Amino acid sequence: MAKKKFEDTLLELEKIVQRLEDPDVPLDEAVALFEDGIKLSRFCSQKLDEVEKRVDLLVKDESGGIATRCFDEADQL
């Protein structure tokens, strides 16, 4: 089975949201779509968390060596 891609999952989630915005969607279908959307949303959130943990910026420290700094910390400089 192919590995899910974040971008494909996000597109699928967007389609679900569009469908849920239709006032003519039957309740049973809306609930099923909502359940699917929650699963997709959790997958996307997990992927974003994984990427955030991997994103480190390389910076030179005072002695000229290489140090890593978390993305959040570097963003506050």
PDB file of N, CA and C in Angstrom:
ATOM      1  N   MET A   1       0.837  -1.177   0.000  1.00  0.00           N
ATOM      2  CA  MET A   1       0.000   0.000   0.000  1.00  0.00           C
ATOM      3  C   MET A   1       0.885   1.244   0.000  1.00  0.00           C
ATOM      4  N   ALA A   2       0.554   2.213  -0.797  1.00  0.00           N
ATOM      5  CA  ALA A   2       1.346   3.433  -0.902  1.00  0.00           C
ATOM      6  C   ALA A   2       1.192   4.274   0.362  1.00  0.00           C
ATOM      7  N   LYS A   3       2.264   4.971   0.697  1.00  0.00           N
ATOM      8  CA  LYS A   3       2.255   5.834   1.865  1.00  0.00           C
ATOM      9  C   LYS A   3       1.447   7.097   1.573  1.00  0.00           C
ATOM     10  N   LYS A   4       0.632   7.508   2.526  1.00  0.00           N
ATOM     11  CA  LYS A   4      -0.187   8.708   2.361  1.00  0.00           C
ATOM     12  C   LYS A   4       0.688   9.947   2.333  1.00  0.00           C
ATOM     13  N   LYS A   5       0.346  10.871   1.465  1.00  0.00           N
ATOM     14  CA  LYS A   5       1.066  12.131   1.395  1.00  0.00           C
ATOM     15  C   LYS A   5       0.235  13.206   2.093  1.00  0.00           C
ATOM     16  N   PHE A   6       0.931  14.111   2.763  1.00  0.00           N
ATOM     17  CA  PHE A   6       0.261  15.202   3.464  1.00  0.00           C
ATOM     18  C   PHE A   6      -0.605  16.010   2.506  1.00  0.00           C
ATOM     19  N   GLU A   7      -0.044  16.385   1.366  1.00  0.00           N
ATOM     20  CA  GLU A   7      -0.757  17.239   0.417  1.00  0.00           C
ATOM     21  C   GLU A   7      -2.022  16.564  -0.113  1.00  0.00           C
ATOM     22  N   ASP A   8      -1.935  15.282  -0.410  1.00  0.00           N
ATOM     23  CA  ASP A   8      -3.111  14.555  -0.894  1.00  0.00           C
ATOM     24  C   ASP A   8      -4.186  14.477   0.191  1.00  0.00           C
ATOM     25  N   THR A   9      -3.744  14.257   1.413  1.00  0.00           N
ATOM     26  CA  THR A   9      -4.680  14.169   2.531  1.00  0.00           C
ATOM     27  C   THR A   9      -5.354  15.507   2.769  1.00  0.00           C
ATOM     28  N   LEU A  10      -4.590  16.586   2.666  1.00  0.00           N
ATOM     29  CA  LEU A  10      -5.149  17.916   2.851  1.00  0.00           C
ATOM     30  C   LEU A  10      -6.193  18.225   1.771  1.00  0.00           C
ATOM     31  N   LEU A  11      -5.912  17.839   0.534  1.00  0.00           N
ATOM     32  CA  LEU A  11      -6.895  18.036  -0.542  1.00  0.00           C
ATOM     33  C   LEU A  11      -8.171  17.248  -0.272  1.00  0.00           C
ATOM     34  N   GLU A  12      -8.016  16.035   0.201  1.00  0.00           N
ATOM     35  CA  GLU A  12      -9.172  15.196   0.533  1.00  0.00           C
ATOM     36  C   GLU A  12      -9.991  15.844   1.658  1.00  0.00           C
ATOM     37  N   LEU A  13      -9.294  16.390   2.633  1.00  0.00           N
ATOM     38  CA  LEU A  13      -9.967  17.073   3.739  1.00  0.00           C
ATOM     39  C   LEU A  13     -10.720  18.308   3.241  1.00  0.00           C
ATOM     40  N   GLU A  14     -10.123  19.041   2.333  1.00  0.00           N
ATOM     41  CA  GLU A  14     -10.793  20.219   1.766  1.00  0.00           C
ATOM     42  C   GLU A  14     -12.072  19.833   1.024  1.00  0.00           C
ATOM     43  N   LYS A  15     -12.032  18.705   0.308  1.00  0.00           N
ATOM     44  CA  LYS A  15     -13.227  18.241  -0.398  1.00  0.00           C
ATOM     45  C   LYS A  15     -14.338  17.877   0.586  1.00  0.00           C
ATOM     46  N   ILE A  16     -13.945  17.266   1.707  1.00  0.00           N
ATOM     47  CA  ILE A  16     -14.932  16.914   2.731  1.00  0.00           C
ATOM     48  C   ILE A  16     -15.568  18.174   3.305  1.00  0.00           C
ATOM     49  N   VAL A  17     -14.755  19.177   3.582  1.00  0.00           N
ATOM     50  CA  VAL A  17     -15.274  20.431   4.125  1.00  0.00           C
ATOM     51  C   VAL A  17     -16.252  21.066   3.137  1.00  0.00           C
ATOM     52  N   GLN A  18     -15.892  21.077   1.865  1.00  0.00           N
ATOM     53  CA  GLN A  18     -16.800  21.640   0.847  1.00  0.00           C
ATOM     54  C   GLN A  18     -18.122  20.883   0.820  1.00  0.00           C
ATOM     55  N   ARG A  19     -18.043  19.574   0.913  1.00  0.00           N
ATOM     56  CA  ARG A  19     -19.262  18.760   0.887  1.00  0.00           C
ATOM     57  C   ARG A  19     -20.116  19.028   2.130  1.00  0.00           C
ATOM     58  N   LEU A  20     -19.457  19.177   3.282  1.00  0.00           N
ATOM     59  CA  LEU A  20     -20.187  19.444   4.520  1.00  0.00           C
ATOM     60  C   LEU A  20     -20.840  20.825   4.527  1.00  0.00           C
ATOM     61  N   GLU A  21     -20.326  21.741   3.753  1.00  0.00           N
ATOM     62  CA  GLU A  21     -20.906  23.080   3.661  1.00  0.00           C
ATOM     63  C   GLU A  21     -22.193  23.098   2.841  1.00  0.00           C
ATOM     64  N   ASP A  22     -22.454  22.026   2.123  1.00  0.00           N
ATOM     65  CA  ASP A  22     -23.684  21.916   1.334  1.00  0.00           C
ATOM     66  C   ASP A  22     -24.849  21.635   2.284  1.00  0.00           C
ATOM     67  N   PRO A  23     -25.837  22.515   2.321  1.00  0.00           N
ATOM     68  CA  PRO A  23     -26.959  22.324   3.253  1.00  0.00           C
ATOM     69  C   PRO A  23     -27.841  21.118   2.908  1.00  0.00           C
ATOM     70  N   ASP A  24     -27.688  20.560   1.729  1.00  0.00           N
ATOM     71  CA  ASP A  24     -28.523  19.434   1.317  1.00  0.00           C
ATOM     72  C   ASP A  24     -27.916  18.073   1.642  1.00  0.00           C
ATOM     73  N   VAL A  25     -26.782  18.045   2.329  1.00  0.00           N
ATOM     74  CA  VAL A  25     -26.151  16.765   2.679  1.00  0.00           C
ATOM     75  C   VAL A  25     -26.997  16.087   3.753  1.00  0.00           C
ATOM     76  N   PRO A  26     -27.400  14.836   3.509  1.00  0.00           N
ATOM     77  CA  PRO A  26     -28.176  14.109   4.522  1.00  0.00           C
ATOM     78  C   PRO A  26     -27.363  13.931   5.812  1.00  0.00           C
ATOM     79  N   LEU A  27     -28.050  13.880   6.918  1.00  0.00           N
ATOM     80  CA  LEU A  27     -27.405  13.803   8.230  1.00  0.00           C
ATOM     81  C   LEU A  27     -26.447  12.622   8.336  1.00  0.00           C
ATOM     82  N   ASP A  28     -26.876  11.445   7.909  1.00  0.00           N
ATOM     83  CA  ASP A  28     -26.014  10.260   8.004  1.00  0.00           C
ATOM     84  C   ASP A  28     -24.720  10.450   7.206  1.00  0.00           C
ATOM     85  N   GLU A  29     -24.835  11.026   6.023  1.00  0.00           N
ATOM     86  CA  GLU A  29     -23.651  11.276   5.204  1.00  0.00           C
ATOM     87  C   GLU A  29     -22.766  12.330   5.859  1.00  0.00           C
ATOM     88  N   ALA A  30     -23.389  13.357   6.420  1.00  0.00           N
ATOM     89  CA  ALA A  30     -22.626  14.419   7.078  1.00  0.00           C
ATOM     90  C   ALA A  30     -21.825  13.870   8.256  1.00  0.00           C
ATOM     91  N   VAL A  31     -22.425  12.988   9.024  1.00  0.00           N
ATOM     92  CA  VAL A  31     -21.725  12.395  10.171  1.00  0.00           C
ATOM     93  C   VAL A  31     -20.557  11.534   9.689  1.00  0.00           C
ATOM     94  N   ALA A  32     -20.784  10.756   8.653  1.00  0.00           N
ATOM     95  CA  ALA A  32     -19.704   9.915   8.103  1.00  0.00           C
ATOM     96  C   ALA A  32     -18.577  10.785   7.546  1.00  0.00           C
ATOM     97  N   LEU A  33     -18.933  11.852   6.850  1.00  0.00           N
ATOM     98  CA  LEU A  33     -17.929  12.772   6.326  1.00  0.00           C
ATOM     99  C   LEU A  33     -17.156  13.433   7.459  1.00  0.00           C
ATOM    100  N   PHE A  34     -17.867  13.819   8.507  1.00  0.00           N
ATOM    101  CA  PHE A  34     -17.225  14.440   9.660  1.00  0.00           C
ATOM    102  C   PHE A  34     -16.217  13.480  10.297  1.00  0.00           C
ATOM    103  N   GLU A  35     -16.606  12.223  10.454  1.00  0.00           N
ATOM    104  CA  GLU A  35     -15.695  11.209  11.021  1.00  0.00           C
ATOM    105  C   GLU A  35     -14.445  11.063  10.158  1.00  0.00           C
ATOM    106  N   ASP A  36     -14.639  10.987   8.853  1.00  0.00           N
ATOM    107  CA  ASP A  36     -13.499  10.889   7.935  1.00  0.00           C
ATOM    108  C   ASP A  36     -12.622  12.135   8.036  1.00  0.00           C
ATOM    109  N   GLY A  37     -13.265  13.294   8.137  1.00  0.00           N
ATOM    110  CA  GLY A  37     -12.529  14.543   8.242  1.00  0.00           C
ATOM    111  C   GLY A  37     -11.684  14.607   9.497  1.00  0.00           C
ATOM    112  N   ILE A  38     -12.219  14.116  10.596  1.00  0.00           N
ATOM    113  CA  ILE A  38     -11.460  14.096  11.854  1.00  0.00           C
ATOM    114  C   ILE A  38     -10.228  13.216  11.704  1.00  0.00           C
ATOM    115  N   LYS A  39     -10.384  12.061  11.096  1.00  0.00           N
ATOM    116  CA  LYS A  39      -9.245  11.154  10.885  1.00  0.00           C
ATOM    117  C   LYS A  39      -8.173  11.814  10.017  1.00  0.00           C
ATOM    118  N   LEU A  40      -8.619  12.462   8.944  1.00  0.00           N
ATOM    119  CA  LEU A  40      -7.680  13.136   8.048  1.00  0.00           C
ATOM    120  C   LEU A  40      -6.999  14.305   8.748  1.00  0.00           C
ATOM    121  N   SER A  41      -7.762  15.037   9.536  1.00  0.00           N
ATOM    122  CA  SER A  41      -7.213  16.166  10.279  1.00  0.00           C
ATOM    123  C   SER A  41      -6.149  15.702  11.266  1.00  0.00           C
ATOM    124  N   ARG A  42      -6.397  14.611  11.937  1.00  0.00           N
ATOM    125  CA  ARG A  42      -5.413  14.061  12.888  1.00  0.00           C
ATOM    126  C   ARG A  42      -4.149  13.613  12.161  1.00  0.00           C
ATOM    127  N   PHE A  43      -4.322  12.997  10.996  1.00  0.00           N
ATOM    128  CA  PHE A  43      -3.161  12.583  10.205  1.00  0.00           C
ATOM    129  C   PHE A  43      -2.317  13.798   9.824  1.00  0.00           C
ATOM    130  N   CYS A  44      -2.981  14.860   9.329  1.00  0.00           N
ATOM    131  CA  CYS A  44      -2.258  16.072   8.931  1.00  0.00           C
ATOM    132  C   CYS A  44      -1.556  16.703  10.126  1.00  0.00           C
ATOM    133  N   SER A  45      -2.230  16.747  11.247  1.00  0.00           N
ATOM    134  CA  SER A  45      -1.636  17.318  12.452  1.00  0.00           C
ATOM    135  C   SER A  45      -0.414  16.525  12.891  1.00  0.00           C
ATOM    136  N   GLN A  46      -0.504  15.208  12.823  1.00  0.00           N
ATOM    137  CA  GLN A  46       0.627  14.348  13.188  1.00  0.00           C
ATOM    138  C   GLN A  46       1.803  14.588  12.249  1.00  0.00           C
ATOM    139  N   LYS A  47       1.533  14.681  10.966  1.00  0.00           N
ATOM    140  CA  LYS A  47       2.598  14.932   9.991  1.00  0.00           C
ATOM    141  C   LYS A  47       3.270  16.274  10.244  1.00  0.00           C
ATOM    142  N   LEU A  48       2.468  17.300  10.526  1.00  0.00           N
ATOM    143  CA  LEU A  48       3.034  18.617  10.807  1.00  0.00           C
ATOM    144  C   LEU A  48       3.898  18.584  12.069  1.00  0.00           C
ATOM    145  N   ASP A  49       3.451  17.846  13.083  1.00  0.00           N
ATOM    146  CA  ASP A  49       4.247  17.717  14.306  1.00  0.00           C
ATOM    147  C   ASP A  49       5.579  17.027  14.018  1.00  0.00           C
ATOM    148  N   GLU A  50       5.533  15.980  13.198  1.00  0.00           N
ATOM    149  CA  GLU A  50       6.764  15.262  12.846  1.00  0.00           C
ATOM    150  C   GLU A  50       7.737  16.167  12.100  1.00  0.00           C
ATOM    151  N   VAL A  51       7.212  16.936  11.169  1.00  0.00           N
ATOM    152  CA  VAL A  51       8.064  17.836  10.392  1.00  0.00           C
ATOM    153  C   VAL A  51       8.642  18.924  11.285  1.00  0.00           C
ATOM    154  N   GLU A  52       7.816  19.466  12.161  1.00  0.00           N
ATOM    155  CA  GLU A  52       8.287  20.516  13.061  1.00  0.00           C
ATOM    156  C   GLU A  52       9.448  20.021  13.917  1.00  0.00           C
ATOM    157  N   LYS A  53       9.364  18.786  14.371  1.00  0.00           N
ATOM    158  CA  LYS A  53      10.439  18.210  15.184  1.00  0.00           C
ATOM    159  C   LYS A  53      11.720  18.043  14.381  1.00  0.00           C
ATOM    160  N   ARG A  54      11.606  17.812  13.086  1.00  0.00           N
ATOM    161  CA  ARG A  54      12.782  17.578  12.243  1.00  0.00           C
ATOM    162  C   ARG A  54      13.434  18.862  11.744  1.00  0.00           C
ATOM    163  N   VAL A  55      12.663  19.938  11.768  1.00  0.00           N
ATOM    164  CA  VAL A  55      13.182  21.179  11.212  1.00  0.00           C
ATOM    165  C   VAL A  55      14.124  21.839  12.222  1.00  0.00           C
ATOM    166  N   ASP A  56      15.379  21.794  11.939  1.00  0.00           N
ATOM    167  CA  ASP A  56      16.395  22.479  12.740  1.00  0.00           C
ATOM    168  C   ASP A  56      17.172  23.384  11.806  1.00  0.00           C
ATOM    169  N   LEU A  57      17.471  24.542  12.304  1.00  0.00           N
ATOM    170  CA  LEU A  57      18.279  25.457  11.520  1.00  0.00           C
ATOM    171  C   LEU A  57      19.722  25.335  11.972  1.00  0.00           C
ATOM    172  N   LEU A  58      20.632  25.254  11.009  1.00  0.00           N
ATOM    173  CA  LEU A  58      22.051  25.224  11.335  1.00  0.00           C
ATOM    174  C   LEU A  58      22.546  26.658  11.455  1.00  0.00           C
ATOM    175  N   VAL A  59      23.205  26.937  12.562  1.00  0.00           N
ATOM    176  CA  VAL A  59      23.754  28.274  12.783  1.00  0.00           C
ATOM    177  C   VAL A  59      25.167  28.138  13.329  1.00  0.00           C
ATOM    178  N   LYS A  60      25.976  29.141  13.068  1.00  0.00           N
ATOM    179  CA  LYS A  60      27.325  29.148  13.624  1.00  0.00           C
ATOM    180  C   LYS A  60      27.272  29.764  15.011  1.00  0.00           C
ATOM    181  N   ASP A  61      27.934  29.090  15.953  1.00  0.00           N
ATOM    182  CA  ASP A  61      28.006  29.670  17.285  1.00  0.00           C
ATOM    183  C   ASP A  61      29.196  30.621  17.388  1.00  0.00           C
ATOM    184  N   GLU A  62      29.413  31.179  18.565  1.00  0.00           N
ATOM    185  CA  GLU A  62      30.458  32.182  18.753  1.00  0.00           C
ATOM    186  C   GLU A  62      31.848  31.676  18.383  1.00  0.00           C
ATOM    187  N   SER A  63      32.121  30.404  18.585  1.00  0.00           N
ATOM    188  CA  SER A  63      33.453  29.856  18.300  1.00  0.00           C
ATOM    189  C   SER A  63      33.597  29.405  16.843  1.00  0.00           C
ATOM    190  N   GLY A  64      32.574  29.638  16.023  1.00  0.00           N
ATOM    191  CA  GLY A  64      32.647  29.255  14.616  1.00  0.00           C
ATOM    192  C   GLY A  64      32.174  27.839  14.350  1.00  0.00           C
ATOM    193  N   GLY A  65      31.804  27.115  15.396  1.00  0.00           N
ATOM    194  CA  GLY A  65      31.296  25.752  15.228  1.00  0.00           C
ATOM    195  C   GLY A  65      29.844  25.760  14.766  1.00  0.00           C
ATOM    196  N   ILE A  66      29.379  24.617  14.420  1.00  0.00           N
ATOM    197  CA  ILE A  66      27.992  24.477  13.968  1.00  0.00           C
ATOM    198  C   ILE A  66      27.142  24.017  15.146  1.00  0.00           C
ATOM    199  N   ALA A  67      26.019  24.656  15.331  1.00  0.00           N
ATOM    200  CA  ALA A  67      25.079  24.285  16.379  1.00  0.00           C
ATOM    201  C   ALA A  67      23.693  24.209  15.759  1.00  0.00           C
ATOM    202  N   THR A  68      22.853  23.424  16.344  1.00  0.00           N
ATOM    203  CA  THR A  68      21.470  23.372  15.867  1.00  0.00           C
ATOM    204  C   THR A  68      20.601  24.138  16.841  1.00  0.00           C
ATOM    205  N   ARG A  69      19.596  24.752  16.292  1.00  0.00           N
ATOM    206  CA  ARG A  69      18.649  25.496  17.104  1.00  0.00           C
ATOM    207  C   ARG A  69      17.260  25.127  16.601  1.00  0.00           C
ATOM    208  N   CYS A  70      16.340  24.896  17.504  1.00  0.00           N
ATOM    209  CA  CYS A  70      14.986  24.565  17.117  1.00  0.00           C
ATOM    210  C   CYS A  70      14.392  25.689  16.272  1.00  0.00           C
ATOM    211  N   PHE A  71      13.535  25.335  15.367  1.00  0.00           N
ATOM    212  CA  PHE A  71      12.909  26.302  14.469  1.00  0.00           C
ATOM    213  C   PHE A  71      12.228  27.413  15.257  1.00  0.00           C
ATOM    214  N   ASP A  72      11.505  27.057  16.313  1.00  0.00           N
ATOM    215  CA  ASP A  72      10.802  28.053  17.106  1.00  0.00           C
ATOM    216  C   ASP A  72      11.762  29.055  17.740  1.00  0.00           C
ATOM    217  N   GLU A  73      12.890  28.568  18.242  1.00  0.00           N
ATOM    218  CA  GLU A  73      13.867  29.438  18.870  1.00  0.00           C
ATOM    219  C   GLU A  73      14.484  30.381  17.854  1.00  0.00           C
ATOM    220  N   ALA A  74      14.814  29.885  16.692  1.00  0.00           N
ATOM    221  CA  ALA A  74      15.432  30.705  15.650  1.00  0.00           C
ATOM    222  C   ALA A  74      14.461  31.768  15.152  1.00  0.00           C
ATOM    223  N   ASP A  75      13.191  31.451  15.158  1.00  0.00           N
ATOM    224  CA  ASP A  75      12.176  32.372  14.691  1.00  0.00           C
ATOM    225  C   ASP A  75      12.041  33.576  15.618  1.00  0.00           C
ATOM    226  N   GLN A  76      12.404  33.413  16.878  1.00  0.00           N
ATOM    227  CA  GLN A  76      12.261  34.484  17.862  1.00  0.00           C
ATOM    228  C   GLN A  76      13.462  35.413  17.876  1.00  0.00           C
ATOM    229  N   LEU A  77      14.519  35.115  17.135  1.00  0.00           N
ATOM    230  CA  LEU A  77      15.712  35.961  17.128  1.00  0.00           C
ATOM    231  C   LEU A  77      15.452  37.287  16.455  1.00  0.00           C
TER     232      LEU A  77
END
